[in-house]
Amino acid sequence: MRIKVRLFGHFIQRFGFTEHELEVSAPFTAAKLIARLGMEGVPHMMAKNGKAIRPSQRLKNGDRIVIAPIFSGG
């Protein structure tokens, strides 16, 4: 199955892409995606098709995933 991943903020420079399409085997979770991208232990926010998701969320063919750093400040 194919999923599209889009990064934001400093993740673009850190991980070397803005948008990338991946071929993965089902079942595939958000946690597996983070591991595959080498982002384990990196604080982030993740959304699937415009809605926030948890690491245990299963991904499906055609899903669009957004991963952004956690912003803070005031």
Protein backbone atom coordinates (compact mmCIF):
# COMPACT_ATOMS: atom_id res chain seq x y z
CA MET A 1 0.00 0.00 0.00
CA ARG A 2 1.11 3.59 -0.55
CA ILE A 3 0.99 6.48 1.90
CA LYS A 4 2.07 10.11 1.50
CA VAL A 5 4.08 11.78 4.24
CA ARG A 6 4.56 15.54 4.53
CA LEU A 7 6.93 17.17 7.01
CA PHE A 8 6.83 20.71 8.40
CA GLY A 9 9.18 23.09 10.18
CA HIS A 10 12.75 22.10 10.92
CA PHE A 11 11.88 18.44 10.17
CA ILE A 12 12.27 19.25 6.46
CA GLN A 13 15.98 20.01 6.90
CA ARG A 14 16.54 17.39 9.58
CA PHE A 15 15.03 14.47 7.65
CA GLY A 16 15.72 15.68 4.11
CA PHE A 17 12.31 15.93 2.44
CA THR A 18 9.09 17.92 2.39
CA GLU A 19 6.78 15.31 0.89
CA HIS A 20 7.47 11.67 0.19
CA GLU A 21 5.39 8.70 -0.91
CA LEU A 22 6.17 5.38 0.76
CA GLU A 23 5.31 1.82 -0.20
CA VAL A 24 4.53 -0.17 2.97
CA SER A 25 3.00 -3.52 3.85
CA ALA A 26 -0.27 -3.77 5.78
CA PRO A 27 -0.86 -3.76 8.67
CA PHE A 28 1.17 -0.59 9.17
CA THR A 29 0.79 1.80 12.11
CA ALA A 30 1.80 5.39 12.75
CA ALA A 31 4.44 4.08 15.19
CA LYS A 32 5.95 1.90 12.45
CA LEU A 33 6.07 4.94 10.18
CA ILE A 34 7.94 6.97 12.81
CA ALA A 35 10.43 4.10 13.21
CA ARG A 36 10.90 3.76 9.45
CA LEU A 37 11.62 7.48 9.14
CA GLY A 38 14.15 7.36 12.00
CA MET A 39 12.09 9.73 14.13
CA GLU A 40 11.82 7.62 17.29
CA GLY A 41 12.28 9.80 20.37
CA VAL A 42 11.74 13.02 18.39
CA PRO A 43 8.82 15.06 19.80
CA HIS A 44 6.20 15.57 17.09
CA MET A 45 2.54 15.98 16.22
CA MET A 46 0.98 13.67 13.65
CA ALA A 47 -2.23 13.82 11.63
CA LYS A 48 -3.86 11.41 9.19
CA ASN A 49 -6.11 12.92 6.54
CA GLY A 50 -6.45 16.09 8.62
CA LYS A 51 -7.16 14.50 12.02
CA ALA A 52 -4.74 13.97 14.92
CA ILE A 53 -3.75 10.35 15.49
CA ARG A 54 -2.05 8.19 18.09
CA PRO A 55 0.96 5.92 17.43
CA SER A 56 -1.26 2.81 17.50
CA GLN A 57 -3.46 4.13 14.65
CA ARG A 58 -3.40 1.87 11.58
CA LEU A 59 -2.65 3.46 8.25
CA LYS A 60 -4.46 2.61 5.01
CA ASN A 61 -3.66 2.84 1.33
CA GLY A 62 -3.86 6.45 0.16
CA ASP A 63 -3.59 8.03 3.62
CA ARG A 64 -1.94 11.44 3.80
CA ILE A 65 0.20 11.83 6.91
CA VAL A 66 1.48 15.15 8.25
CA ILE A 67 4.28 15.22 10.82
CA ALA A 68 5.25 18.51 12.47
CA PRO A 69 7.49 19.49 15.37
CA ILE A 70 5.82 20.50 18.60
CA PHE A 71 5.79 24.28 18.76
CA SER A 72 5.97 26.23 22.00
CA GLY A 73 6.49 29.76 23.10
CA GLY A 74 4.45 32.72 23.99
